[in-house]
Amino acid sequence: MKEQYDILESQIREVYGRVVYAHKTHEKCADLLKTRSDCFKLAEIILSAATTTSILVLVFGDGKIFQFLAALFSTILLGLTLYSKDFNLLALAEKHKQAALNILEIREKFLSLLVDIKVGYKDIPLLQQRRDELNEQLVNTYRGAPKTISKAYNEASIALQKQEEFTFSDEEIDKFLPEQLRKS
């Protein structure tokens, strides 16, 4: 019987680890796409200002260099606009944020399932049924989630392993809790 619990716990721990990574990767993906969108918008503003300035100099003066600059800035701006029209980075970032929230909910349910196993909840068939329900919920969430990018996974890996973004000390947790619930 103990061996069955250990095997079940091992499997759920493995899934839990993957869910933690998926959640953090979608969060990082949303952040990266939002930053890219902001950079595109800033570039569009700068190029629009440079184009307008070059054209105004042409209107009130003359010079081949300003004709060239106006044409160059305008062409770059057109290219940037055409590129960004096909990719709504903010909408995609929002989809990643929503996927992260959905995965967070499932992550917390897997954590509760692990706690149930650790405290000695004895009904293995019910634990397996709960695991299967969570796996189905997870697969459905993954189906609706946008694809992540490798840079987001790398950032998630650094955040979880090196920066310990998902780890708290007892002292940190105690600061959030009322005095009666603190460990120290």
N, C-alpha and C. Protein backbone atom coordinates (compact mmCIF):
# COMPACT_ATOMS: atom_id res chain seq x y z
N MET A 1 0.82 -1.20 0.00
CA MET A 1 0.00 0.00 0.00
C MET A 1 0.87 1.26 0.00
N LYS A 2 1.91 1.28 0.80
CA LYS A 2 2.83 2.41 0.86
C LYS A 2 3.48 2.65 -0.50
N GLU A 3 3.82 1.56 -1.17
CA GLU A 3 4.45 1.67 -2.48
C GLU A 3 3.51 2.35 -3.48
N GLN A 4 2.21 2.04 -3.40
CA GLN A 4 1.23 2.65 -4.29
C GLN A 4 1.16 4.16 -4.07
N TYR A 5 1.17 4.58 -2.79
CA TYR A 5 1.16 6.01 -2.48
C TYR A 5 2.42 6.68 -3.01
N ASP A 6 3.56 6.03 -2.84
CA ASP A 6 4.82 6.60 -3.30
C ASP A 6 4.83 6.77 -4.82
N ILE A 7 4.32 5.79 -5.53
CA ILE A 7 4.27 5.87 -7.00
C ILE A 7 3.33 6.98 -7.44
N LEU A 8 2.16 7.03 -6.82
CA LEU A 8 1.18 8.07 -7.16
C LEU A 8 1.74 9.45 -6.83
N GLU A 9 2.33 9.58 -5.66
CA GLU A 9 2.92 10.85 -5.27
C GLU A 9 4.03 11.26 -6.23
N SER A 10 4.86 10.33 -6.62
CA SER A 10 5.95 10.61 -7.55
C SER A 10 5.42 11.14 -8.88
N GLN A 11 4.39 10.51 -9.40
CA GLN A 11 3.81 10.95 -10.66
C GLN A 11 3.22 12.35 -10.52
N ILE A 12 2.50 12.59 -9.47
CA ILE A 12 1.86 13.90 -9.28
C ILE A 12 2.92 14.99 -9.07
N ARG A 13 3.98 14.66 -8.37
CA ARG A 13 5.09 15.62 -8.19
C ARG A 13 5.70 15.99 -9.54
N GLU A 14 5.86 15.01 -10.40
CA GLU A 14 6.42 15.25 -11.73
C GLU A 14 5.52 16.20 -12.53
N VAL A 15 4.22 15.92 -12.52
CA VAL A 15 3.27 16.78 -13.23
C VAL A 15 3.27 18.17 -12.61
N TYR A 16 3.30 18.23 -11.29
CA TYR A 16 3.32 19.52 -10.59
C TYR A 16 4.52 20.36 -11.03
N GLY A 17 5.69 19.75 -11.13
CA GLY A 17 6.89 20.47 -11.57
C GLY A 17 6.71 21.04 -12.97
N ARG A 18 6.13 20.24 -13.86
CA ARG A 18 5.90 20.73 -15.23
C ARG A 18 4.89 21.88 -15.24
N VAL A 19 3.88 21.79 -14.39
CA VAL A 19 2.86 22.83 -14.32
C VAL A 19 3.47 24.13 -13.78
N VAL A 20 4.34 24.03 -12.80
CA VAL A 20 5.01 25.22 -12.27
C VAL A 20 5.80 25.91 -13.39
N TYR A 21 6.53 25.12 -14.17
CA TYR A 21 7.30 25.67 -15.29
C TYR A 21 6.39 26.28 -16.35
N ALA A 22 5.30 25.60 -16.68
CA ALA A 22 4.38 26.12 -17.70
C ALA A 22 3.78 27.45 -17.25
N HIS A 23 3.39 27.53 -16.00
CA HIS A 23 2.82 28.76 -15.46
C HIS A 23 3.82 29.90 -15.57
N LYS A 24 5.03 29.68 -15.09
CA LYS A 24 6.05 30.73 -15.10
C LYS A 24 6.44 31.10 -16.53
N THR A 25 6.48 30.12 -17.44
CA THR A 25 6.84 30.40 -18.83
C THR A 25 5.79 31.30 -19.49
N HIS A 26 4.52 31.03 -19.24
CA HIS A 26 3.47 31.89 -19.81
C HIS A 26 3.53 33.29 -19.21
N GLU A 27 3.84 33.40 -17.93
CA GLU A 27 4.01 34.73 -17.33
C GLU A 27 5.15 35.49 -18.00
N LYS A 28 6.28 34.82 -18.18
CA LYS A 28 7.44 35.46 -18.79
C LYS A 28 7.16 35.81 -20.25
N CYS A 29 6.43 34.95 -20.94
CA CYS A 29 6.07 35.19 -22.34
C CYS A 29 5.21 36.46 -22.43
N ALA A 30 4.25 36.59 -21.55
CA ALA A 30 3.40 37.78 -21.53
C ALA A 30 4.25 39.03 -21.31
N ASP A 31 5.18 38.95 -20.37
CA ASP A 31 6.06 40.10 -20.09
C ASP A 31 6.91 40.45 -21.31
N LEU A 32 7.50 39.44 -21.95
CA LEU A 32 8.34 39.69 -23.12
C LEU A 32 7.55 40.32 -24.27
N LEU A 33 6.36 39.80 -24.52
CA LEU A 33 5.55 40.33 -25.62
C LEU A 33 5.08 41.75 -25.33
N LYS A 34 4.76 42.04 -24.08
CA LYS A 34 4.37 43.41 -23.70
C LYS A 34 5.55 44.36 -23.91
N THR A 35 6.75 43.93 -23.54
CA THR A 35 7.93 44.77 -23.74
C THR A 35 8.19 44.99 -25.22
N ARG A 36 8.06 43.94 -26.03
CA ARG A 36 8.24 44.09 -27.48
C ARG A 36 7.22 45.06 -28.05
N SER A 37 5.98 44.94 -27.62
CA SER A 37 4.93 45.84 -28.10
C SER A 37 5.27 47.28 -27.74
N ASP A 38 5.71 47.50 -26.52
CA ASP A 38 6.08 48.85 -26.08
C ASP A 38 7.24 49.39 -26.92
N CYS A 39 8.21 48.53 -27.25
CA CYS A 39 9.34 48.95 -28.08
C CYS A 39 8.88 49.32 -29.49
N PHE A 40 7.98 48.52 -30.06
CA PHE A 40 7.43 48.83 -31.38
C PHE A 40 6.70 50.17 -31.36
N LYS A 41 5.88 50.38 -30.35
CA LYS A 41 5.13 51.63 -30.26
C LYS A 41 6.07 52.82 -30.13
N LEU A 42 7.11 52.68 -29.31
CA LEU A 42 8.08 53.76 -29.14
C LEU A 42 8.82 54.02 -30.45
N ALA A 43 9.20 52.96 -31.15
CA ALA A 43 9.89 53.11 -32.44
C ALA A 43 8.98 53.82 -33.44
N GLU A 44 7.69 53.46 -33.45
CA GLU A 44 6.75 54.11 -34.35
C GLU A 44 6.64 55.61 -34.05
N ILE A 45 6.60 55.96 -32.78
CA ILE A 45 6.52 57.37 -32.38
C ILE A 45 7.78 58.12 -32.82
N ILE A 46 8.93 57.53 -32.56
CA ILE A 46 10.20 58.19 -32.91
C ILE A 46 10.30 58.35 -34.43
N LEU A 47 9.97 57.28 -35.16
CA LEU A 47 10.05 57.37 -36.62
C LEU A 47 9.03 58.36 -37.19
N SER A 48 7.84 58.42 -36.61
CA SER A 48 6.85 59.41 -37.05
C SER A 48 7.36 60.82 -36.80
N ALA A 49 7.93 61.05 -35.65
CA ALA A 49 8.46 62.37 -35.33
C ALA A 49 9.62 62.73 -36.26
N ALA A 50 10.51 61.78 -36.52
CA ALA A 50 11.64 62.04 -37.41
C ALA A 50 11.17 62.31 -38.84
N THR A 51 10.18 61.56 -39.30
CA THR A 51 9.63 61.77 -40.64
C THR A 51 8.98 63.14 -40.73
N THR A 52 8.17 63.46 -39.75
CA THR A 52 7.48 64.76 -39.74
C THR A 52 8.49 65.90 -39.69
N THR A 53 9.50 65.79 -38.87
CA THR A 53 10.53 66.82 -38.76
C THR A 53 11.26 66.99 -40.09
N SER A 54 11.62 65.91 -40.72
CA SER A 54 12.31 65.97 -42.02
C SER A 54 11.44 66.64 -43.07
N ILE A 55 10.16 66.33 -43.09
CA ILE A 55 9.24 66.92 -44.06
C ILE A 55 9.07 68.42 -43.79
N LEU A 56 8.96 68.79 -42.50
CA LEU A 56 8.83 70.21 -42.16
C LEU A 56 10.07 71.00 -42.57
N VAL A 57 11.24 70.42 -42.39
CA VAL A 57 12.47 71.09 -42.81
C VAL A 57 12.45 71.27 -44.33
N LEU A 58 11.95 70.28 -45.06
CA LEU A 58 11.85 70.39 -46.52
C LEU A 58 10.87 71.49 -46.93
N VAL A 59 9.75 71.58 -46.22
CA VAL A 59 8.74 72.59 -46.56
C VAL A 59 9.28 73.99 -46.33
N PHE A 60 10.00 74.17 -45.25
CA PHE A 60 10.48 75.51 -44.89
C PHE A 60 11.92 75.76 -45.32
N GLY A 61 12.52 74.84 -45.98
CA GLY A 61 13.90 75.00 -46.44
C GLY A 61 14.11 74.05 -47.60
N ASP A 62 15.36 73.74 -47.83
CA ASP A 62 15.61 72.76 -48.87
C ASP A 62 16.83 71.94 -48.49
N GLY A 63 17.03 70.89 -49.20
CA GLY A 63 18.18 70.03 -48.93
C GLY A 63 17.86 68.60 -49.28
N LYS A 64 18.77 68.04 -50.04
CA LYS A 64 18.60 66.65 -50.47
C LYS A 64 18.67 65.69 -49.28
N ILE A 65 19.49 66.03 -48.29
CA ILE A 65 19.66 65.12 -47.15
C ILE A 65 18.33 64.94 -46.42
N PHE A 66 17.53 65.99 -46.30
CA PHE A 66 16.25 65.89 -45.60
C PHE A 66 15.22 65.14 -46.43
N GLN A 67 15.31 65.24 -47.75
CA GLN A 67 14.45 64.42 -48.62
C GLN A 67 14.77 62.95 -48.40
N PHE A 68 16.06 62.64 -48.37
CA PHE A 68 16.49 61.26 -48.16
C PHE A 68 16.04 60.77 -46.78
N LEU A 69 16.26 61.59 -45.75
CA LEU A 69 15.87 61.19 -44.38
C LEU A 69 14.36 60.99 -44.27
N ALA A 70 13.59 61.88 -44.85
CA ALA A 70 12.12 61.74 -44.80
C ALA A 70 11.70 60.44 -45.47
N ALA A 71 12.29 60.15 -46.63
CA ALA A 71 11.95 58.90 -47.33
C ALA A 71 12.40 57.68 -46.53
N LEU A 72 13.58 57.74 -45.94
CA LEU A 72 14.11 56.62 -45.15
C LEU A 72 13.24 56.35 -43.92
N PHE A 73 12.98 57.41 -43.15
CA PHE A 73 12.17 57.23 -41.93
C PHE A 73 10.77 56.75 -42.28
N SER A 74 10.21 57.30 -43.34
CA SER A 74 8.87 56.90 -43.76
C SER A 74 8.84 55.44 -44.19
N THR A 75 9.87 55.00 -44.90
CA THR A 75 9.93 53.60 -45.35
C THR A 75 10.08 52.65 -44.16
N ILE A 76 10.94 53.01 -43.22
CA ILE A 76 11.12 52.16 -42.03
C ILE A 76 9.82 52.10 -41.23
N LEU A 77 9.18 53.25 -41.09
CA LEU A 77 7.91 53.29 -40.36
C LEU A 77 6.85 52.43 -41.05
N LEU A 78 6.81 52.49 -42.36
CA LEU A 78 5.86 51.66 -43.10
C LEU A 78 6.15 50.18 -42.86
N GLY A 79 7.41 49.80 -42.93
CA GLY A 79 7.78 48.40 -42.69
C GLY A 79 7.39 47.96 -41.29
N LEU A 80 7.66 48.79 -40.31
CA LEU A 80 7.31 48.47 -38.92
C LEU A 80 5.80 48.36 -38.74
N THR A 81 5.07 49.25 -39.36
CA THR A 81 3.61 49.22 -39.27
C THR A 81 3.05 47.96 -39.93
N LEU A 82 3.59 47.63 -41.11
CA LEU A 82 3.13 46.41 -41.79
C LEU A 82 3.43 45.17 -40.98
N TYR A 83 4.60 45.13 -40.36
CA TYR A 83 4.97 43.98 -39.53
C TYR A 83 4.04 43.88 -38.32
N SER A 84 3.83 44.99 -37.64
CA SER A 84 3.06 44.94 -36.40
C SER A 84 1.56 44.77 -36.64
N LYS A 85 1.07 45.06 -37.85
CA LYS A 85 -0.36 44.87 -38.11
C LYS A 85 -0.73 43.39 -38.10
N ASP A 86 0.20 42.53 -38.48
CA ASP A 86 -0.06 41.09 -38.51
C ASP A 86 0.11 40.44 -37.14
N PHE A 87 0.76 41.13 -36.23
CA PHE A 87 1.04 40.56 -34.91
C PHE A 87 0.56 41.54 -33.84
N ASN A 88 -0.57 41.25 -33.26
CA ASN A 88 -1.06 42.08 -32.17
C ASN A 88 -0.41 41.55 -30.89
N LEU A 89 0.76 42.10 -30.59
CA LEU A 89 1.55 41.60 -29.47
C LEU A 89 0.83 41.77 -28.13
N LEU A 90 0.09 42.86 -27.98
CA LEU A 90 -0.63 43.06 -26.71
C LEU A 90 -1.72 42.02 -26.52
N ALA A 91 -2.43 41.70 -27.60
CA ALA A 91 -3.49 40.67 -27.50
C ALA A 91 -2.87 39.31 -27.20
N LEU A 92 -1.75 39.02 -27.83
CA LEU A 92 -1.06 37.76 -27.57
C LEU A 92 -0.53 37.70 -26.14
N ALA A 93 0.00 38.82 -25.66
CA ALA A 93 0.47 38.89 -24.27
C ALA A 93 -0.68 38.64 -23.31
N GLU A 94 -1.83 39.18 -23.63
CA GLU A 94 -3.01 38.99 -22.77
C GLU A 94 -3.44 37.52 -22.75
N LYS A 95 -3.33 36.84 -23.90
CA LYS A 95 -3.66 35.41 -23.94
C LYS A 95 -2.69 34.60 -23.08
N HIS A 96 -1.42 34.98 -23.10
CA HIS A 96 -0.44 34.29 -22.25
C HIS A 96 -0.73 34.56 -20.77
N LYS A 97 -1.14 35.78 -20.46
CA LYS A 97 -1.47 36.10 -19.08
C LYS A 97 -2.66 35.28 -18.61
N GLN A 98 -3.66 35.13 -19.47
CA GLN A 98 -4.84 34.34 -19.12
C GLN A 98 -4.47 32.86 -18.97
N ALA A 99 -3.63 32.37 -19.86
CA ALA A 99 -3.18 30.97 -19.76
C ALA A 99 -2.44 30.76 -18.45
N ALA A 100 -1.60 31.73 -18.07
CA ALA A 100 -0.86 31.63 -16.81
C ALA A 100 -1.82 31.56 -15.63
N LEU A 101 -2.87 32.36 -15.66
CA LEU A 101 -3.85 32.33 -14.56
C LEU A 101 -4.59 31.00 -14.50
N ASN A 102 -4.96 30.47 -15.67
CA ASN A 102 -5.63 29.17 -15.70
C ASN A 102 -4.71 28.06 -15.17
N ILE A 103 -3.46 28.12 -15.57
CA ILE A 103 -2.49 27.11 -15.12
C ILE A 103 -2.21 27.27 -13.63
N LEU A 104 -2.19 28.50 -13.14
CA LEU A 104 -1.99 28.75 -11.71
C LEU A 104 -3.08 28.06 -10.89
N GLU A 105 -4.31 28.16 -11.35
CA GLU A 105 -5.42 27.50 -10.64
C GLU A 105 -5.19 25.99 -10.57
N ILE A 106 -4.78 25.40 -11.68
CA ILE A 106 -4.53 23.96 -11.72
C ILE A 106 -3.33 23.60 -10.86
N ARG A 107 -2.30 24.44 -10.90
CA ARG A 107 -1.11 24.21 -10.07
C ARG A 107 -1.48 24.13 -8.60
N GLU A 108 -2.33 25.03 -8.15
CA GLU A 108 -2.73 25.03 -6.75
C GLU A 108 -3.54 23.79 -6.40
N LYS A 109 -4.33 23.29 -7.34
CA LYS A 109 -5.10 22.07 -7.10
C LYS A 109 -4.17 20.85 -7.02
N PHE A 110 -3.13 20.82 -7.86
CA PHE A 110 -2.15 19.73 -7.77
C PHE A 110 -1.41 19.79 -6.43
N LEU A 111 -1.09 20.99 -5.98
CA LEU A 111 -0.43 21.15 -4.68
C LEU A 111 -1.33 20.62 -3.56
N SER A 112 -2.61 20.94 -3.63
CA SER A 112 -3.55 20.43 -2.62
C SER A 112 -3.63 18.91 -2.67
N LEU A 113 -3.58 18.35 -3.86
CA LEU A 113 -3.60 16.90 -4.00
C LEU A 113 -2.35 16.27 -3.37
N LEU A 114 -1.21 16.91 -3.56
CA LEU A 114 0.01 16.41 -2.91
C LEU A 114 -0.09 16.49 -1.39
N VAL A 115 -0.70 17.56 -0.90
CA VAL A 115 -0.90 17.69 0.54
C VAL A 115 -1.82 16.57 1.05
N ASP A 116 -2.87 16.29 0.31
CA ASP A 116 -3.78 15.20 0.70
C ASP A 116 -3.03 13.88 0.81
N ILE A 117 -2.14 13.63 -0.10
CA ILE A 117 -1.35 12.39 -0.06
C ILE A 117 -0.43 12.40 1.16
N LYS A 118 0.22 13.53 1.41
CA LYS A 118 1.17 13.62 2.53
C LYS A 118 0.49 13.48 3.88
N VAL A 119 -0.71 14.01 4.01
CA VAL A 119 -1.39 13.92 5.31
C VAL A 119 -2.04 12.56 5.51
N GLY A 120 -1.94 11.70 4.50
CA GLY A 120 -2.38 10.33 4.67
C GLY A 120 -3.78 10.04 4.21
N TYR A 121 -4.31 10.86 3.31
CA TYR A 121 -5.61 10.54 2.74
C TYR A 121 -5.48 9.17 2.08
N LYS A 122 -6.32 8.24 2.44
CA LYS A 122 -6.10 6.82 2.15
C LYS A 122 -6.76 6.28 0.89
N ASP A 123 -7.71 6.96 0.34
CA ASP A 123 -8.48 6.38 -0.76
C ASP A 123 -7.76 6.60 -2.10
N ILE A 124 -6.95 5.64 -2.49
CA ILE A 124 -6.16 5.76 -3.72
C ILE A 124 -7.05 5.94 -4.95
N PRO A 125 -8.15 5.19 -5.12
CA PRO A 125 -9.00 5.42 -6.30
C PRO A 125 -9.53 6.86 -6.40
N LEU A 126 -9.87 7.46 -5.26
CA LEU A 126 -10.34 8.85 -5.30
C LEU A 126 -9.20 9.82 -5.64
N LEU A 127 -8.00 9.53 -5.11
CA LEU A 127 -6.84 10.35 -5.45
C LEU A 127 -6.53 10.24 -6.95
N GLN A 128 -6.64 9.04 -7.48
CA GLN A 128 -6.39 8.84 -8.91
C GLN A 128 -7.45 9.54 -9.75
N GLN A 129 -8.70 9.48 -9.31
CA GLN A 129 -9.77 10.16 -10.03
C GLN A 129 -9.52 11.66 -10.06
N ARG A 130 -9.11 12.21 -8.91
CA ARG A 130 -8.82 13.66 -8.83
C ARG A 130 -7.64 14.01 -9.73
N ARG A 131 -6.62 13.17 -9.73
CA ARG A 131 -5.46 13.38 -10.60
C ARG A 131 -5.89 13.41 -12.07
N ASP A 132 -6.72 12.45 -12.46
CA ASP A 132 -7.17 12.35 -13.84
C ASP A 132 -8.00 13.58 -14.24
N GLU A 133 -8.85 14.05 -13.33
CA GLU A 133 -9.64 15.26 -13.60
C GLU A 133 -8.74 16.47 -13.80
N LEU A 134 -7.72 16.58 -12.96
CA LEU A 134 -6.79 17.70 -13.08
C LEU A 134 -5.98 17.61 -14.37
N ASN A 135 -5.58 16.39 -14.73
CA ASN A 135 -4.84 16.21 -15.98
C ASN A 135 -5.70 16.62 -17.18
N GLU A 136 -6.96 16.25 -17.14
CA GLU A 136 -7.87 16.63 -18.24
C GLU A 136 -8.03 18.14 -18.30
N GLN A 137 -8.19 18.77 -17.15
CA GLN A 137 -8.31 20.22 -17.08
C GLN A 137 -7.04 20.87 -17.62
N LEU A 138 -5.90 20.29 -17.27
CA LEU A 138 -4.62 20.83 -17.72
C LEU A 138 -4.46 20.72 -19.23
N VAL A 139 -4.79 19.56 -19.78
CA VAL A 139 -4.69 19.37 -21.23
C VAL A 139 -5.60 20.36 -21.97
N ASN A 140 -6.81 20.56 -21.47
CA ASN A 140 -7.72 21.52 -22.10
C ASN A 140 -7.17 22.95 -22.02
N THR A 141 -6.53 23.27 -20.93
CA THR A 141 -5.92 24.59 -20.79
C THR A 141 -4.77 24.74 -21.77
N TYR A 142 -3.94 23.72 -21.89
CA TYR A 142 -2.84 23.77 -22.83
C TYR A 142 -3.34 23.91 -24.27
N ARG A 143 -4.44 23.24 -24.59
CA ARG A 143 -5.00 23.33 -25.95
C ARG A 143 -5.37 24.76 -26.32
N GLY A 144 -5.90 25.48 -25.37
CA GLY A 144 -6.33 26.85 -25.63
C GLY A 144 -5.25 27.90 -25.45
N ALA A 145 -4.09 27.48 -24.97
CA ALA A 145 -3.02 28.44 -24.69
C ALA A 145 -2.16 28.68 -25.94
N PRO A 146 -1.69 29.91 -26.11
CA PRO A 146 -0.78 30.17 -27.24
C PRO A 146 0.58 29.51 -27.00
N LYS A 147 1.31 29.28 -28.08
CA LYS A 147 2.65 28.70 -27.96
C LYS A 147 3.57 29.69 -27.27
N THR A 148 4.45 29.16 -26.45
CA THR A 148 5.43 30.01 -25.78
C THR A 148 6.69 30.09 -26.63
N ILE A 149 7.57 31.00 -26.26
CA ILE A 149 8.84 31.16 -26.97
C ILE A 149 9.98 30.70 -26.07
N SER A 150 11.05 30.25 -26.69
CA SER A 150 12.16 29.66 -25.93
C SER A 150 12.78 30.67 -24.96
N LYS A 151 12.82 31.93 -25.33
CA LYS A 151 13.37 32.94 -24.42
C LYS A 151 12.56 33.01 -23.13
N ALA A 152 11.25 32.87 -23.24
CA ALA A 152 10.39 32.89 -22.05
C ALA A 152 10.69 31.69 -21.17
N TYR A 153 10.89 30.52 -21.78
CA TYR A 153 11.23 29.32 -21.00
C TYR A 153 12.57 29.52 -20.29
N ASN A 154 13.54 30.07 -20.99
CA ASN A 154 14.86 30.32 -20.37
C ASN A 154 14.74 31.28 -19.20
N GLU A 155 13.95 32.33 -19.37
CA GLU A 155 13.75 33.28 -18.28
C GLU A 155 13.00 32.63 -17.11
N ALA A 156 12.03 31.78 -17.42
CA ALA A 156 11.29 31.07 -16.37
C ALA A 156 12.23 30.16 -15.60
N SER A 157 13.11 29.48 -16.31
CA SER A 157 14.07 28.58 -15.68
C SER A 157 14.98 29.33 -14.72
N ILE A 158 15.48 30.47 -15.15
CA ILE A 158 16.34 31.30 -14.29
C ILE A 158 15.55 31.80 -13.08
N ALA A 159 14.32 32.25 -13.33
CA ALA A 159 13.49 32.78 -12.25
C ALA A 159 13.20 31.72 -11.20
N LEU A 160 12.92 30.50 -11.64
CA LEU A 160 12.56 29.44 -10.69
C LEU A 160 13.77 28.83 -10.01
N GLN A 161 14.86 28.62 -10.75
CA GLN A 161 16.02 27.92 -10.19
C GLN A 161 16.99 28.84 -9.47
N LYS A 162 17.31 29.96 -10.09
CA LYS A 162 18.35 30.83 -9.52
C LYS A 162 17.77 31.93 -8.64
N GLN A 163 16.69 32.53 -9.10
CA GLN A 163 16.11 33.64 -8.35
C GLN A 163 15.05 33.17 -7.35
N GLU A 164 14.72 31.89 -7.40
CA GLU A 164 13.78 31.27 -6.48
C GLU A 164 12.48 32.07 -6.35
N GLU A 165 11.91 32.44 -7.51
CA GLU A 165 10.68 33.24 -7.51
C GLU A 165 9.49 32.53 -6.90
N PHE A 166 9.54 31.23 -6.88
CA PHE A 166 8.40 30.47 -6.37
C PHE A 166 8.68 29.89 -4.98
N THR A 167 9.74 30.35 -4.36
CA THR A 167 10.18 29.79 -3.08
C THR A 167 10.10 30.86 -1.99
N PHE A 168 9.62 30.46 -0.82
CA PHE A 168 9.51 31.38 0.30
C PHE A 168 10.10 30.74 1.55
N SER A 169 10.77 31.54 2.34
CA SER A 169 11.25 31.04 3.62
C SER A 169 10.12 31.14 4.63
N ASP A 170 10.26 30.43 5.76
CA ASP A 170 9.25 30.51 6.81
C ASP A 170 9.09 31.95 7.30
N GLU A 171 10.20 32.66 7.37
CA GLU A 171 10.16 34.05 7.84
C GLU A 171 9.34 34.92 6.90
N GLU A 172 9.51 34.71 5.58
CA GLU A 172 8.74 35.49 4.61
C GLU A 172 7.25 35.19 4.74
N ILE A 173 6.90 33.93 4.87
CA ILE A 173 5.50 33.54 4.99
C ILE A 173 4.91 34.08 6.28
N ASP A 174 5.69 34.02 7.36
CA ASP A 174 5.22 34.53 8.65
C ASP A 174 4.81 36.00 8.58
N LYS A 175 5.49 36.78 7.76
CA LYS A 175 5.17 38.21 7.63
C LYS A 175 3.77 38.42 7.07
N PHE A 176 3.26 37.46 6.30
CA PHE A 176 1.94 37.59 5.69
C PHE A 176 0.83 37.08 6.59
N LEU A 177 1.19 36.32 7.60
CA LEU A 177 0.19 35.62 8.42
C LEU A 177 -0.09 36.36 9.72
N PRO A 178 -1.30 36.17 10.27
CA PRO A 178 -1.57 36.70 11.60
C PRO A 178 -0.66 35.99 12.61
N GLU A 179 -0.46 36.61 13.73
CA GLU A 179 0.48 36.09 14.73
C GLU A 179 0.17 34.66 15.16
N GLN A 180 -1.12 34.30 15.26
CA GLN A 180 -1.49 32.98 15.70
C GLN A 180 -1.08 31.88 14.72
N LEU A 181 -0.89 32.21 13.47
CA LEU A 181 -0.55 31.22 12.44
C LEU A 181 0.94 31.17 12.10
N ARG A 182 1.72 32.00 12.74
CA ARG A 182 3.16 32.07 12.42
C ARG A 182 3.91 30.90 13.05
N LYS A 183 5.01 30.50 12.39
CA LYS A 183 5.85 29.42 12.92
C LYS A 183 6.83 29.94 13.95
N SER A 184 7.27 31.19 13.77
CA SER A 184 8.27 31.72 14.71
C SER A 184 7.74 32.90 15.48
